[in-house]
PDB file of N, CA and C in Angstrom:
ATOM      1  N   MET A   1       0.739  -1.434   0.009  1.00  0.00           N
ATOM      2  CA  MET A   1       0.049   0.019   0.037  1.00  0.00           C
ATOM      3  C   MET A   1       0.927   1.347  -0.115  1.00  0.00           C
ATOM      4  N   ARG A   2       2.243   1.047  -0.196  1.00  0.00           N
ATOM      5  CA  ARG A   2       3.101   2.532  -0.024  1.00  0.00           C
ATOM      6  C   ARG A   2       2.575   3.105  -0.994  1.00  0.00           C
ATOM      7  N   GLY A   3       2.471   4.246  -1.188  1.00  0.00           N
ATOM      8  CA  GLY A   3       2.200   5.297  -2.217  1.00  0.00           C
ATOM      9  C   GLY A   3       0.965   5.364  -2.814  1.00  0.00           C
ATOM     10  N   PHE A   4      -0.031   4.870  -1.578  1.00  0.00           N
ATOM     11  CA  PHE A   4      -1.203   4.298  -2.206  1.00  0.00           C
ATOM     12  C   PHE A   4      -2.079   5.842  -2.124  1.00  0.00           C
ATOM     13  N   TRP A   5      -1.708   6.727  -0.984  1.00  0.00           N
ATOM     14  CA  TRP A   5      -2.634   7.756  -0.791  1.00  0.00           C
ATOM     15  C   TRP A   5      -1.813   9.149  -1.130  1.00  0.00           C
ATOM     16  N   ASN A   6      -0.965   8.844  -2.403  1.00  0.00           N
ATOM     17  CA  ASN A   6      -0.258  10.142  -2.813  1.00  0.00           C
ATOM     18  C   ASN A   6      -1.425  10.846  -4.062  1.00  0.00           C
ATOM     19  N   GLU A   7      -1.147  11.769  -4.428  1.00  0.00           N
ATOM     20  CA  GLU A   7      -1.991  12.656  -5.287  1.00  0.00           C
ATOM     21  C   GLU A   7      -2.025  11.922  -6.744  1.00  0.00           C
ATOM     22  N   VAL A   8      -1.321  11.240  -7.106  1.00  0.00           N
ATOM     23  CA  VAL A   8      -1.241  10.705  -8.423  1.00  0.00           C
ATOM     24  C   VAL A   8      -2.800   9.657  -8.010  1.00  0.00           C
ATOM     25  N   ASN A   9      -2.938   8.983  -7.186  1.00  0.00           N
ATOM     26  CA  ASN A   9      -4.128   8.039  -7.295  1.00  0.00           C
ATOM     27  C   ASN A   9      -5.402   8.998  -6.976  1.00  0.00           C
ATOM     28  N   TRP A  10      -5.306  10.211  -6.749  1.00  0.00           N
ATOM     29  CA  TRP A  10      -6.783  11.103  -6.588  1.00  0.00           C
ATOM     30  C   TRP A  10      -7.248  11.036  -8.076  1.00  0.00           C
ATOM     31  N   ARG A  11      -8.388  11.388  -8.406  1.00  0.00           N
ATOM     32  CA  ARG A  11      -8.598  11.810  -9.758  1.00  0.00           C
ATOM     33  C   ARG A  11     -10.126  12.637  -9.398  1.00  0.00           C
ATOM     34  N   LEU A  12     -10.395  13.454 -10.144  1.00  0.00           N
ATOM     35  CA  LEU A  12     -11.340  14.302 -10.326  1.00  0.00           C
ATOM     36  C   LEU A  12     -12.278  13.857 -11.615  1.00  0.00           C
ATOM     37  N   ASP A  13     -13.754  13.642 -11.071  1.00  0.00           N
ATOM     38  CA  ASP A  13     -14.645  12.717 -11.968  1.00  0.00           C
ATOM     39  C   ASP A  13     -15.903  13.886 -11.718  1.00  0.00           C
ATOM     40  N   ASP A  14     -16.176  14.491 -13.245  1.00  0.00           N
ATOM     41  CA  ASP A  14     -17.477  15.453 -13.012  1.00  0.00           C
ATOM     42  C   ASP A  14     -17.248  16.354 -12.006  1.00  0.00           C
ATOM     43  N   ASN A  15     -17.786  16.600 -10.922  1.00  0.00           N
ATOM     44  CA  ASN A  15     -17.854  17.689  -9.918  1.00  0.00           C
ATOM     45  C   ASN A  15     -17.513  17.271  -8.670  1.00  0.00           C
ATOM     46  N   ALA A  16     -16.801  16.214  -8.642  1.00  0.00           N
ATOM     47  CA  ALA A  16     -16.418  15.179  -7.037  1.00  0.00           C
ATOM     48  C   ALA A  16     -14.963  14.878  -7.459  1.00  0.00           C
ATOM     49  N   LEU A  17     -14.150  15.107  -6.008  1.00  0.00           N
ATOM     50  CA  LEU A  17     -12.862  14.416  -5.973  1.00  0.00           C
ATOM     51  C   LEU A  17     -12.965  12.990  -5.525  1.00  0.00           C
ATOM     52  N   VAL A  18     -12.292  12.248  -6.352  1.00  0.00           N
ATOM     53  CA  VAL A  18     -12.657  10.446  -5.779  1.00  0.00           C
ATOM     54  C   VAL A  18     -11.108  10.310  -5.297  1.00  0.00           C
ATOM     55  N   MET A  19     -11.241   9.645  -3.998  1.00  0.00           N
ATOM     56  CA  MET A  19     -10.017   9.267  -3.516  1.00  0.00           C
ATOM     57  C   MET A  19     -10.022   7.953  -3.607  1.00  0.00           C
ATOM     58  N   PRO A  20      -8.774   7.468  -3.556  1.00  0.00           N
ATOM     59  CA  PRO A  20      -8.287   6.182  -3.757  1.00  0.00           C
ATOM     60  C   PRO A  20      -8.932   5.163  -3.459  1.00  0.00           C
ATOM     61  N   ASN A  21      -9.827   5.522  -2.404  1.00  0.00           N
ATOM     62  CA  ASN A  21     -10.208   4.299  -1.821  1.00  0.00           C
ATOM     63  C   ASN A  21     -11.970   4.295  -2.651  1.00  0.00           C
ATOM     64  N   GLY A  22     -12.234   4.976  -3.561  1.00  0.00           N
ATOM     65  CA  GLY A  22     -13.188   5.158  -4.152  1.00  0.00           C
ATOM     66  C   GLY A  22     -14.698   5.993  -3.724  1.00  0.00           C
ATOM     67  N   GLN A  23     -14.077   6.669  -2.618  1.00  0.00           N
ATOM     68  CA  GLN A  23     -15.466   7.660  -1.688  1.00  0.00           C
ATOM     69  C   GLN A  23     -15.165   8.883  -2.726  1.00  0.00           C
ATOM     70  N   ARG A  24     -16.298   9.420  -2.736  1.00  0.00           N
ATOM     71  CA  ARG A  24     -16.389  10.617  -3.446  1.00  0.00           C
ATOM     72  C   ARG A  24     -16.472  11.904  -2.700  1.00  0.00           C
ATOM     73  N   ILE A  25     -15.764  12.940  -2.978  1.00  0.00           N
ATOM     74  CA  ILE A  25     -15.830  14.127  -2.010  1.00  0.00           C
ATOM     75  C   ILE A  25     -16.357  15.000  -3.121  1.00  0.00           C
ATOM     76  N   HIS A  26     -17.853  15.621  -3.107  1.00  0.00           N
ATOM     77  CA  HIS A  26     -18.068  16.831  -3.980  1.00  0.00           C
ATOM     78  C   HIS A  26     -17.616  18.039  -3.729  1.00  0.00           C
ATOM     79  N   LEU A  27     -17.058  18.683  -5.021  1.00  0.00           N
ATOM     80  CA  LEU A  27     -16.141  20.261  -4.707  1.00  0.00           C
ATOM     81  C   LEU A  27     -16.950  21.371  -4.178  1.00  0.00           C
ATOM     82  N   LYS A  28     -18.290  21.250  -4.062  1.00  0.00           N
ATOM     83  CA  LYS A  28     -19.025  22.185  -3.031  1.00  0.00           C
ATOM     84  C   LYS A  28     -18.941  22.090  -1.673  1.00  0.00           C
ATOM     85  N   GLN A  29     -18.617  20.694  -1.385  1.00  0.00           N
ATOM     86  CA  GLN A  29     -18.507  20.256   0.151  1.00  0.00           C
ATOM     87  C   GLN A  29     -16.767  20.937   0.647  1.00  0.00           C
ATOM     88  N   ILE A  30     -15.807  20.684  -0.294  1.00  0.00           N
ATOM     89  CA  ILE A  30     -14.921  20.944  -0.232  1.00  0.00           C
ATOM     90  C   ILE A  30     -14.452  22.712  -0.162  1.00  0.00           C
ATOM     91  N   VAL A  31     -15.428  23.273  -0.926  1.00  0.00           N
ATOM     92  CA  VAL A  31     -15.328  24.777  -1.095  1.00  0.00           C
ATOM     93  C   VAL A  31     -15.876  25.454   0.163  1.00  0.00           C
ATOM     94  N   GLN A  32     -17.104  24.282   0.781  1.00  0.00           N
ATOM     95  CA  GLN A  32     -17.570  24.932   1.958  1.00  0.00           C
ATOM     96  C   GLN A  32     -17.089  24.780   3.091  1.00  0.00           C
ATOM     97  N   TRP A  33     -16.161  23.631   3.268  1.00  0.00           N
ATOM     98  CA  TRP A  33     -15.563  23.306   4.514  1.00  0.00           C
ATOM     99  C   TRP A  33     -14.128  24.512   4.458  1.00  0.00           C
ATOM    100  N   ARG A  34     -13.697  24.696   3.392  1.00  0.00           N
ATOM    101  CA  ARG A  34     -12.685  25.814   3.333  1.00  0.00           C
ATOM    102  C   ARG A  34     -13.288  27.075   3.836  1.00  0.00           C
ATOM    103  N   SER A  35     -14.465  27.360   3.245  1.00  0.00           N
ATOM    104  CA  SER A  35     -15.080  28.613   3.697  1.00  0.00           C
ATOM    105  C   SER A  35     -15.210  28.721   5.268  1.00  0.00           C
ATOM    106  N   ASP A  36     -15.733  27.515   5.588  1.00  0.00           N
ATOM    107  CA  ASP A  36     -16.010  27.683   7.121  1.00  0.00           C
ATOM    108  C   ASP A  36     -14.681  27.636   7.972  1.00  0.00           C
ATOM    109  N   LEU A  37     -13.743  27.147   7.185  1.00  0.00           N
ATOM    110  CA  LEU A  37     -12.577  27.482   8.105  1.00  0.00           C
ATOM    111  C   LEU A  37     -11.982  28.632   8.452  1.00  0.00           C
ATOM    112  N   MET A  38     -12.198  29.297   7.097  1.00  0.00           N
ATOM    113  CA  MET A  38     -11.755  31.036   7.041  1.00  0.00           C
ATOM    114  C   MET A  38     -12.665  31.696   7.690  1.00  0.00           C
ATOM    115  N   ILE A  39     -13.854  31.510   8.101  1.00  0.00           N
ATOM    116  CA  ILE A  39     -14.626  32.393   9.126  1.00  0.00           C
ATOM    117  C   ILE A  39     -14.795  31.721  10.279  1.00  0.00           C
ATOM    118  N   GLY A  40     -14.400  30.686  10.709  1.00  0.00           N
ATOM    119  CA  GLY A  40     -14.826  29.979  12.121  1.00  0.00           C
ATOM    120  C   GLY A  40     -15.979  29.324  12.443  1.00  0.00           C
ATOM    121  N   GLN A  41     -16.729  29.166  11.167  1.00  0.00           N
ATOM    122  CA  GLN A  41     -18.014  28.070  11.644  1.00  0.00           C
ATOM    123  C   GLN A  41     -18.047  26.564  11.009  1.00  0.00           C
ATOM    124  N   PHE A  42     -18.579  25.740  11.664  1.00  0.00           N
ATOM    125  CA  PHE A  42     -18.470  24.243  11.331  1.00  0.00           C
ATOM    126  C   PHE A  42     -20.403  23.933  11.543  1.00  0.00           C
ATOM    127  N   ASP A  43     -20.606  23.205  10.916  1.00  0.00           N
ATOM    128  CA  ASP A  43     -21.605  22.478  11.144  1.00  0.00           C
ATOM    129  C   ASP A  43     -21.120  20.790  11.481  1.00  0.00           C
ATOM    130  N   LEU A  44     -21.295  20.188  12.418  1.00  0.00           N
ATOM    131  CA  LEU A  44     -21.103  19.097  13.052  1.00  0.00           C
ATOM    132  C   LEU A  44     -22.286  18.164  12.460  1.00  0.00           C
ATOM    133  N   THR A  45     -22.028  16.559  12.196  1.00  0.00           N
ATOM    134  CA  THR A  45     -22.822  15.733  11.975  1.00  0.00           C
ATOM    135  C   THR A  45     -22.539  14.403  12.490  1.00  0.00           C
ATOM    136  N   GLY A  46     -22.997  13.363  11.925  1.00  0.00           N
ATOM    137  CA  GLY A  46     -22.600  12.192  12.823  1.00  0.00           C
ATOM    138  C   GLY A  46     -23.663  11.796  13.883  1.00  0.00           C
ATOM    139  N   ARG A  47     -22.629  11.653  14.911  1.00  0.00           N
ATOM    140  CA  ARG A  47     -23.176  11.758  16.519  1.00  0.00           C
ATOM    141  C   ARG A  47     -23.687  13.318  17.081  1.00  0.00           C
ATOM    142  N   TRP A  48     -23.318  14.266  16.203  1.00  0.00           N
ATOM    143  CA  TRP A  48     -23.653  15.744  16.874  1.00  0.00           C
ATOM    144  C   TRP A  48     -24.672  16.365  15.942  1.00  0.00           C
ATOM    145  N   PRO A  49     -25.922  15.838  15.366  1.00  0.00           N
ATOM    146  CA  PRO A  49     -26.684  16.604  14.537  1.00  0.00           C
ATOM    147  C   PRO A  49     -27.212  17.770  14.952  1.00  0.00           C
ATOM    148  N   GLY A  50     -27.088  18.908  14.339  1.00  0.00           N
ATOM    149  CA  GLY A  50     -27.771  20.070  14.632  1.00  0.00           C
ATOM    150  C   GLY A  50     -26.766  20.620  15.284  1.00  0.00           C
ATOM    151  N   TRP A  51     -25.639  20.628  15.872  1.00  0.00           N
ATOM    152  CA  TRP A  51     -24.760  21.176  16.447  1.00  0.00           C
ATOM    153  C   TRP A  51     -23.875  22.002  15.491  1.00  0.00           C
ATOM    154  N   ARG A  52     -23.610  23.288  16.084  1.00  0.00           N
ATOM    155  CA  ARG A  52     -22.904  23.927  15.167  1.00  0.00           C
ATOM    156  C   ARG A  52     -21.869  24.683  15.974  1.00  0.00           C
ATOM    157  N   VAL A  53     -20.743  25.165  15.220  1.00  0.00           N
ATOM    158  CA  VAL A  53     -19.429  25.839  15.921  1.00  0.00           C
ATOM    159  C   VAL A  53     -19.509  27.477  15.055  1.00  0.00           C
ATOM    160  N   ARG A  54     -19.778  28.235  15.774  1.00  0.00           N
ATOM    161  CA  ARG A  54     -19.335  29.556  15.195  1.00  0.00           C
ATOM    162  C   ARG A  54     -18.505  30.300  16.040  1.00  0.00           C
ATOM    163  N   GLN A  55     -17.452  31.032  15.756  1.00  0.00           N
ATOM    164  CA  GLN A  55     -16.296  31.523  16.270  1.00  0.00           C
ATOM    165  C   GLN A  55     -15.639  30.455  17.133  1.00  0.00           C
ATOM    166  N   HIS A  56     -16.081  31.234  18.498  1.00  0.00           N
ATOM    167  CA  HIS A  56     -15.603  30.160  19.474  1.00  0.00           C
ATOM    168  C   HIS A  56     -16.652  30.039  20.609  1.00  0.00           C
ATOM    169  N   TRP A  57     -17.976  29.297  19.736  1.00  0.00           N
ATOM    170  CA  TRP A  57     -18.936  28.962  20.514  1.00  0.00           C
ATOM    171  C   TRP A  57     -19.512  27.641  20.075  1.00  0.00           C
ATOM    172  N   LEU A  58     -20.022  26.364  21.111  1.00  0.00           N
ATOM    173  CA  LEU A  58     -20.485  25.645  20.473  1.00  0.00           C
ATOM    174  C   LEU A  58     -21.965  25.917  20.733  1.00  0.00           C
ATOM    175  N   ILE A  59     -22.798  25.745  19.561  1.00  0.00           N
ATOM    176  CA  ILE A  59     -24.235  26.050  19.605  1.00  0.00           C
ATOM    177  C   ILE A  59     -24.947  24.852  19.608  1.00  0.00           C
ATOM    178  N   ALA A  60     -25.918  24.456  20.465  1.00  0.00           N
ATOM    179  CA  ALA A  60     -26.916  23.379  20.420  1.00  0.00           C
ATOM    180  C   ALA A  60     -28.115  23.616  19.406  1.00  0.00           C
ATOM    181  N   PRO A  61     -28.343  22.483  18.911  1.00  0.00           N
ATOM    182  CA  PRO A  61     -29.845  22.387  17.950  1.00  0.00           C
ATOM    183  C   PRO A  61     -30.560  23.308  18.769  1.00  0.00           C
ATOM    184  N   GLY A  62     -30.942  24.101  17.761  1.00  0.00           N
ATOM    185  CA  GLY A  62     -32.430  25.105  18.015  1.00  0.00           C
ATOM    186  C   GLY A  62     -31.932  26.180  18.618  1.00  0.00           C
ATOM    187  N   GLY A  63     -30.439  26.083  19.225  1.00  0.00           N
ATOM    188  CA  GLY A  63     -29.964  27.710  19.597  1.00  0.00           C
ATOM    189  C   GLY A  63     -29.520  28.670  18.646  1.00  0.00           C
ATOM    190  N   SER A  64     -28.771  29.730  19.349  1.00  0.00           N
ATOM    191  CA  SER A  64     -28.507  30.823  18.462  1.00  0.00           C
ATOM    192  C   SER A  64     -27.107  31.335  18.845  1.00  0.00           C
ATOM    193  N   MET A  65     -26.702  32.416  18.281  1.00  0.00           N
ATOM    194  CA  MET A  65     -25.505  32.929  18.792  1.00  0.00           C
ATOM    195  C   MET A  65     -25.587  33.569  20.489  1.00  0.00           C
ATOM    196  N   ARG A  66     -27.035  33.856  20.546  1.00  0.00           N
ATOM    197  CA  ARG A  66     -27.225  34.569  22.054  1.00  0.00           C
ATOM    198  C   ARG A  66     -27.791  33.576  23.049  1.00  0.00           C
ATOM    199  N   ARG A  67     -28.260  32.631  22.456  1.00  0.00           N
ATOM    200  CA  ARG A  67     -29.181  31.775  23.507  1.00  0.00           C
ATOM    201  C   ARG A  67     -28.721  30.098  22.945  1.00  0.00           C
ATOM    202  N   GLY A  68     -28.189  29.263  23.726  1.00  0.00           N
ATOM    203  CA  GLY A  68     -28.071  28.106  23.809  1.00  0.00           C
ATOM    204  C   GLY A  68     -26.424  27.867  23.153  1.00  0.00           C
ATOM    205  N   ARG A  69     -25.802  28.242  23.886  1.00  0.00           N
ATOM    206  CA  ARG A  69     -24.480  28.373  23.428  1.00  0.00           C
ATOM    207  C   ARG A  69     -23.484  27.826  24.339  1.00  0.00           C
ATOM    208  N   ILE A  70     -22.470  27.402  24.073  1.00  0.00           N
ATOM    209  CA  ILE A  70     -21.144  27.107  25.181  1.00  0.00           C
ATOM    210  C   ILE A  70     -20.052  27.375  24.771  1.00  0.00           C
ATOM    211  N   SER A  71     -19.177  28.337  25.482  1.00  0.00           N
ATOM    212  CA  SER A  71     -17.847  28.738  25.278  1.00  0.00           C
ATOM    213  C   SER A  71     -16.687  27.839  25.034  1.00  0.00           C
ATOM    214  N   GLU A  72     -15.878  27.879  24.288  1.00  0.00           N
ATOM    215  CA  GLU A  72     -14.606  27.020  24.132  1.00  0.00           C
ATOM    216  C   GLU A  72     -13.918  26.966  25.433  1.00  0.00           C
ATOM    217  N   GLN A  73     -13.687  28.272  26.241  1.00  0.00           N
ATOM    218  CA  GLN A  73     -13.248  28.017  27.361  1.00  0.00           C
ATOM    219  C   GLN A  73     -13.635  27.506  28.544  1.00  0.00           C
ATOM    220  N   HIS A  74     -15.073  27.627  28.500  1.00  0.00           N
ATOM    221  CA  HIS A  74     -15.957  26.622  29.429  1.00  0.00           C
ATOM    222  C   HIS A  74     -15.851  25.208  29.149  1.00  0.00           C
ATOM    223  N   LEU A  75     -15.775  24.728  27.760  1.00  0.00           N
ATOM    224  CA  LEU A  75     -15.425  23.542  27.626  1.00  0.00           C
ATOM    225  C   LEU A  75     -14.497  22.902  28.110  1.00  0.00           C
ATOM    226  N   ARG A  76     -13.284  23.789  27.558  1.00  0.00           N
ATOM    227  CA  ARG A  76     -12.059  23.188  28.321  1.00  0.00           C
ATOM    228  C   ARG A  76     -12.111  23.060  29.530  1.00  0.00           C
ATOM    229  N   HIS A  77     -12.684  24.110  30.416  1.00  0.00           N
ATOM    230  CA  HIS A  77     -12.876  24.088  31.822  1.00  0.00           C
ATOM    231  C   HIS A  77     -13.566  22.761  32.475  1.00  0.00           C
ATOM    232  N   LEU A  78     -14.415  22.494  31.754  1.00  0.00           N
ATOM    233  CA  LEU A  78     -15.152  20.857  31.824  1.00  0.00           C
ATOM    234  C   LEU A  78     -14.774  19.782  31.614  1.00  0.00           C
ATOM    235  N   MET A  79     -13.785  20.131  30.407  1.00  0.00           N
ATOM    236  CA  MET A  79     -12.916  18.700  30.416  1.00  0.00           C
ATOM    237  C   MET A  79     -11.831  18.928  31.568  1.00  0.00           C
ATOM    238  N   GLN A  80     -11.073  19.832  32.112  1.00  0.00           N
ATOM    239  CA  GLN A  80     -10.072  19.654  32.919  1.00  0.00           C
ATOM    240  C   GLN A  80     -10.518  18.949  34.371  1.00  0.00           C
ATOM    241  N   MET A  81     -11.909  19.815  34.572  1.00  0.00           N
ATOM    242  CA  MET A  81     -12.637  19.474  35.873  1.00  0.00           C
ATOM    243  C   MET A  81     -12.880  17.732  36.058  1.00  0.00           C
ATOM    244  N   HIS A  82     -13.373  17.051  34.734  1.00  0.00           N
ATOM    245  CA  HIS A  82     -13.564  15.547  34.606  1.00  0.00           C
ATOM    246  C   HIS A  82     -12.350  15.368  34.623  1.00  0.00           C
ATOM    247  N   ALA A  83     -11.178  15.619  34.358  1.00  0.00           N
ATOM    248  CA  ALA A  83      -9.818  14.796  34.420  1.00  0.00           C
ATOM    249  C   ALA A  83      -9.411  14.811  35.713  1.00  0.00           C
ATOM    250  N   TRP A  84      -9.750  16.366  36.742  1.00  0.00           N
ATOM    251  CA  TRP A  84      -9.423  15.709  38.062  1.00  0.00           C
ATOM    252  C   TRP A  84     -10.220  15.315  38.811  1.00  0.00           C
ATOM    253  N   GLU A  85     -11.312  15.259  38.463  1.00  0.00           N
ATOM    254  CA  GLU A  85     -12.336  14.358  39.307  1.00  0.00           C
ATOM    255  C   GLU A  85     -12.037  13.043  39.145  1.00  0.00           C
ATOM    256  N   LEU A  86     -11.796  12.592  37.811  1.00  0.00           N
ATOM    257  CA  LEU A  86     -11.136  10.982  37.297  1.00  0.00           C
ATOM    258  C   LEU A  86      -9.641  10.924  38.107  1.00  0.00           C
ATOM    259  N   LYS A  87      -8.812  11.558  38.701  1.00  0.00           N
ATOM    260  CA  LYS A  87      -7.703  11.811  39.222  1.00  0.00           C
ATOM    261  C   LYS A  87      -7.898  11.329  40.384  1.00  0.00           C
ATOM    262  N   GLU A  88      -8.697  12.015  41.088  1.00  0.00           N
ATOM    263  CA  GLU A  88      -9.383  11.829  42.448  1.00  0.00           C
ATOM    264  C   GLU A  88      -9.798  10.743  42.736  1.00  0.00           C
ATOM    265  N   ALA A  89     -10.770  10.049  42.005  1.00  0.00           N
ATOM    266  CA  ALA A  89     -11.331   8.964  41.947  1.00  0.00           C
ATOM    267  C   ALA A  89     -10.427   7.966  42.158  1.00  0.00           C
ATOM    268  N   SER A  90      -9.499   7.869  41.392  1.00  0.00           N
ATOM    269  CA  SER A  90      -8.384   6.598  41.271  1.00  0.00           C
ATOM    270  C   SER A  90      -7.490   7.080  42.345  1.00  0.00           C
ATOM    271  N   ARG A  91      -6.971   8.053  43.033  1.00  0.00           N
ATOM    272  CA  ARG A  91      -6.474   8.639  44.176  1.00  0.00           C
ATOM    273  C   ARG A  91      -7.022   7.617  45.305  1.00  0.00           C
ATOM    274  N   ARG A  92      -8.548   8.220  45.168  1.00  0.00           N
ATOM    275  CA  ARG A  92      -9.391   7.743  46.766  1.00  0.00           C
ATOM    276  C   ARG A  92      -9.500   5.981  46.549  1.00  0.00           C
ATOM    277  N   GLN A  93      -9.188   5.445  45.526  1.00  0.00           N
ATOM    278  CA  GLN A  93      -9.183   4.198  45.376  1.00  0.00           C
ATOM    279  C   GLN A  93      -7.916   3.278  45.895  1.00  0.00           C
ATOM    280  N   LEU A  94      -7.054   3.742  46.155  1.00  0.00           N
ATOM    281  CA  LEU A  94      -5.597   3.360  46.768  1.00  0.00           C
ATOM    282  C   LEU A  94      -5.893   2.518  48.279  1.00  0.00           C
ATOM    283  N   ALA A  95      -5.098   1.852  48.395  1.00  0.00           N
ATOM    284  CA  ALA A  95      -5.291   0.970  49.456  1.00  0.00           C
ATOM    285  C   ALA A  95      -5.275   1.979  50.771  1.00  0.00           C
ATOM    286  N   LEU A  96      -4.565   3.080  50.976  1.00  0.00           N
ATOM    287  CA  LEU A  96      -4.295   3.758  51.928  1.00  0.00           C
ATOM    288  C   LEU A  96      -5.745   4.453  52.486  1.00  0.00           C
ATOM    289  N   PHE A  97      -6.979   4.430  51.684  1.00  0.00           N
ATOM    290  CA  PHE A  97      -8.143   5.330  52.086  1.00  0.00           C
ATOM    291  C   PHE A  97      -9.008   3.728  52.412  1.00  0.00           C
ATOM    292  N   ASP A  98      -8.677   2.816  52.320  1.00  0.00           N
ATOM    293  CA  ASP A  98      -9.816   1.794  52.884  1.00  0.00           C
ATOM    294  C   ASP A  98      -9.979   1.675  54.258  1.00  0.00           C
TER     295      ASP A  98
END
């Protein structure tokens, strides 16, 4: 498989870029992804349908920039608190505290 993912194995077919594994990426999607990257907004899919990222806000489905949003700093804080709680829980499970 060496060299399978180089640019020679990609091809342009009609209005889509065809990856070496056969998956098609439409050119409109590529342009939209690039535009979203430039202006700082993303629409999440898969397990997060309806969630959006605008600037540094994570916006819930049905929410707006004023209502139903979570800041990036708040998310980082929540993740750090979760890590601290896991560390504390594992510390308390040591034989010293039995």
